[in-house]
């Protein structure tokens, strides 16, 4: 589980990539891999932020 500061950095990365409150799955999977964060955790953050995942490739984000 990311620390609060790590979580804030993830939120900033997601916000920076969002267009019309939507982020491509490809970006989120790369973010998860780059930060060693489970995709489910990234998906939870997106849900909390009201960011929608588009073009989901694997169904990892639900």
N, C-alpha and C. Protein backbone atom coordinates (compact mmCIF):
# COMPACT_ATOMS: atom_id res chain seq x y z
N UNK A 1 0.86 -1.18 0.00
CA UNK A 1 0.00 0.00 0.00
C UNK A 1 0.90 1.24 0.00
N UNK A 2 0.64 2.19 -0.91
CA UNK A 2 1.48 3.38 -0.96
C UNK A 2 1.29 4.25 0.28
N UNK A 3 2.37 4.95 0.63
CA UNK A 3 2.27 5.90 1.74
C UNK A 3 1.40 7.08 1.29
N UNK A 4 0.96 7.91 2.24
CA UNK A 4 0.14 9.07 1.85
C UNK A 4 0.83 9.96 0.82
N UNK A 5 2.15 10.15 0.94
CA UNK A 5 2.83 11.00 -0.04
C UNK A 5 2.90 10.31 -1.40
N UNK A 6 3.09 8.96 -1.40
CA UNK A 6 3.09 8.23 -2.66
C UNK A 6 1.71 8.30 -3.30
N UNK A 7 0.68 8.17 -2.48
CA UNK A 7 -0.69 8.22 -2.99
C UNK A 7 -0.97 9.59 -3.61
N UNK A 8 -0.47 10.63 -2.98
CA UNK A 8 -0.66 11.99 -3.52
C UNK A 8 0.03 12.13 -4.87
N UNK A 9 1.21 11.53 -5.00
CA UNK A 9 1.92 11.57 -6.29
C UNK A 9 1.14 10.81 -7.35
N UNK A 10 0.55 9.68 -6.97
CA UNK A 10 -0.28 8.94 -7.92
C UNK A 10 -1.49 9.77 -8.35
N UNK A 11 -2.13 10.42 -7.38
CA UNK A 11 -3.27 11.28 -7.70
C UNK A 11 -2.87 12.41 -8.66
N UNK A 12 -1.71 13.00 -8.43
CA UNK A 12 -1.23 14.08 -9.30
C UNK A 12 -0.97 13.55 -10.71
N UNK A 13 -0.38 12.36 -10.82
CA UNK A 13 -0.12 11.78 -12.13
C UNK A 13 -1.42 11.49 -12.87
N UNK A 14 -2.41 10.95 -12.15
CA UNK A 14 -3.70 10.65 -12.76
C UNK A 14 -4.39 11.94 -13.20
N UNK A 15 -4.38 12.94 -12.34
CA UNK A 15 -5.00 14.23 -12.68
C UNK A 15 -4.33 14.85 -13.90
N UNK A 16 -3.01 14.76 -13.95
CA UNK A 16 -2.27 15.33 -15.07
C UNK A 16 -2.58 14.66 -16.40
N UNK A 17 -2.92 13.39 -16.35
CA UNK A 17 -3.21 12.64 -17.58
C UNK A 17 -4.68 12.70 -17.97
N UNK A 18 -5.54 13.11 -17.04
CA UNK A 18 -6.99 13.09 -17.30
C UNK A 18 -7.40 14.20 -18.27
N UNK A 19 -8.24 13.81 -19.19
CA UNK A 19 -8.88 14.75 -20.11
C UNK A 19 -10.37 14.50 -20.00
N UNK A 20 -11.11 15.52 -19.62
CA UNK A 20 -12.56 15.37 -19.42
C UNK A 20 -12.85 14.26 -18.40
N UNK A 21 -12.04 14.19 -17.35
CA UNK A 21 -12.18 13.20 -16.28
C UNK A 21 -12.05 11.76 -16.77
N UNK A 22 -11.27 11.56 -17.84
CA UNK A 22 -11.05 10.22 -18.38
C UNK A 22 -9.56 10.02 -18.60
N UNK A 23 -9.09 8.79 -18.31
CA UNK A 23 -7.68 8.43 -18.49
C UNK A 23 -7.63 7.09 -19.22
N UNK A 24 -6.74 6.96 -20.19
CA UNK A 24 -6.64 5.67 -20.89
C UNK A 24 -6.05 4.58 -20.00
N UNK A 25 -6.56 3.39 -20.15
CA UNK A 25 -6.09 2.22 -19.42
C UNK A 25 -4.58 2.05 -19.61
N UNK A 26 -4.09 2.22 -20.80
CA UNK A 26 -2.67 2.03 -21.09
C UNK A 26 -1.80 2.89 -20.17
N UNK A 27 -2.20 4.15 -19.97
CA UNK A 27 -1.45 5.03 -19.08
C UNK A 27 -1.47 4.50 -17.65
N UNK A 28 -2.63 4.06 -17.19
CA UNK A 28 -2.76 3.59 -15.81
C UNK A 28 -1.99 2.29 -15.56
N UNK A 29 -1.98 1.39 -16.53
CA UNK A 29 -1.19 0.17 -16.38
C UNK A 29 0.29 0.49 -16.31
N UNK A 30 0.74 1.44 -17.14
CA UNK A 30 2.15 1.85 -17.10
C UNK A 30 2.48 2.53 -15.77
N UNK A 31 1.56 3.34 -15.27
CA UNK A 31 1.76 4.00 -13.97
C UNK A 31 1.86 2.96 -12.86
N UNK A 32 1.00 1.97 -12.90
CA UNK A 32 1.02 0.90 -11.89
C UNK A 32 2.36 0.16 -11.92
N UNK A 33 2.82 -0.16 -13.11
CA UNK A 33 4.08 -0.88 -13.24
C UNK A 33 5.26 -0.02 -12.79
N UNK A 34 5.27 1.23 -13.23
CA UNK A 34 6.37 2.15 -12.91
C UNK A 34 6.47 2.41 -11.41
N UNK A 35 5.35 2.43 -10.72
CA UNK A 35 5.34 2.76 -9.29
C UNK A 35 5.20 1.53 -8.40
N UNK A 36 5.18 0.35 -9.02
CA UNK A 36 5.02 -0.91 -8.27
C UNK A 36 3.76 -0.87 -7.40
N UNK A 37 2.67 -0.38 -8.01
CA UNK A 37 1.38 -0.27 -7.34
C UNK A 37 0.40 -1.22 -8.03
N UNK A 38 -0.35 -2.01 -7.30
CA UNK A 38 -1.32 -2.90 -7.94
C UNK A 38 -2.35 -2.11 -8.76
N UNK A 39 -2.71 -2.60 -9.95
CA UNK A 39 -3.72 -1.91 -10.75
C UNK A 39 -5.02 -1.67 -9.99
N UNK A 40 -5.39 -2.58 -9.11
CA UNK A 40 -6.63 -2.39 -8.34
C UNK A 40 -6.54 -1.14 -7.47
N UNK A 41 -5.36 -0.86 -6.93
CA UNK A 41 -5.17 0.34 -6.10
C UNK A 41 -5.31 1.60 -6.97
N UNK A 42 -4.74 1.56 -8.17
CA UNK A 42 -4.87 2.69 -9.10
C UNK A 42 -6.35 2.88 -9.44
N UNK A 43 -7.04 1.78 -9.69
CA UNK A 43 -8.47 1.86 -10.00
C UNK A 43 -9.27 2.46 -8.86
N UNK A 44 -8.93 2.08 -7.62
CA UNK A 44 -9.61 2.64 -6.45
C UNK A 44 -9.40 4.15 -6.38
N UNK A 45 -8.18 4.59 -6.62
CA UNK A 45 -7.90 6.03 -6.61
C UNK A 45 -8.72 6.75 -7.67
N UNK A 46 -8.79 6.16 -8.85
CA UNK A 46 -9.58 6.77 -9.93
C UNK A 46 -11.04 6.87 -9.52
N UNK A 47 -11.58 5.82 -8.91
CA UNK A 47 -12.96 5.86 -8.44
C UNK A 47 -13.16 6.98 -7.43
N UNK A 48 -12.24 7.07 -6.47
CA UNK A 48 -12.34 8.11 -5.44
C UNK A 48 -12.28 9.50 -6.04
N UNK A 49 -11.50 9.64 -7.12
CA UNK A 49 -11.31 10.95 -7.76
C UNK A 49 -12.39 11.26 -8.79
N UNK A 50 -13.24 10.28 -9.10
CA UNK A 50 -14.26 10.50 -10.12
C UNK A 50 -13.68 10.48 -11.53
N UNK A 51 -12.55 9.81 -11.69
CA UNK A 51 -11.90 9.69 -13.00
C UNK A 51 -12.32 8.37 -13.62
N UNK A 52 -12.73 8.41 -14.87
CA UNK A 52 -13.18 7.23 -15.59
C UNK A 52 -12.04 6.66 -16.42
N UNK A 53 -11.97 5.35 -16.47
CA UNK A 53 -10.93 4.66 -17.24
C UNK A 53 -11.52 4.30 -18.59
N UNK A 54 -10.83 4.71 -19.64
CA UNK A 54 -11.36 4.43 -20.97
C UNK A 54 -10.43 3.46 -21.71
N UNK A 55 -11.00 2.78 -22.64
CA UNK A 55 -10.27 1.82 -23.47
C UNK A 55 -9.54 0.79 -22.61
N UNK A 56 -10.26 0.24 -21.63
CA UNK A 56 -9.64 -0.74 -20.74
C UNK A 56 -9.30 -1.99 -21.55
N UNK A 57 -8.08 -2.43 -21.41
CA UNK A 57 -7.56 -3.52 -22.22
C UNK A 57 -7.75 -4.89 -21.59
N UNK A 58 -7.67 -4.96 -20.26
CA UNK A 58 -7.67 -6.26 -19.61
C UNK A 58 -8.76 -6.46 -18.58
N UNK A 59 -9.54 -5.45 -18.33
CA UNK A 59 -10.55 -5.55 -17.29
C UNK A 59 -9.97 -5.48 -15.89
N UNK A 60 -8.75 -4.95 -15.77
CA UNK A 60 -8.10 -4.84 -14.45
C UNK A 60 -8.73 -3.79 -13.58
N UNK A 61 -9.28 -2.78 -14.18
CA UNK A 61 -9.81 -1.63 -13.43
C UNK A 61 -11.32 -1.74 -13.39
N UNK A 62 -11.84 -2.03 -12.21
CA UNK A 62 -13.29 -2.15 -12.07
C UNK A 62 -13.74 -1.45 -10.83
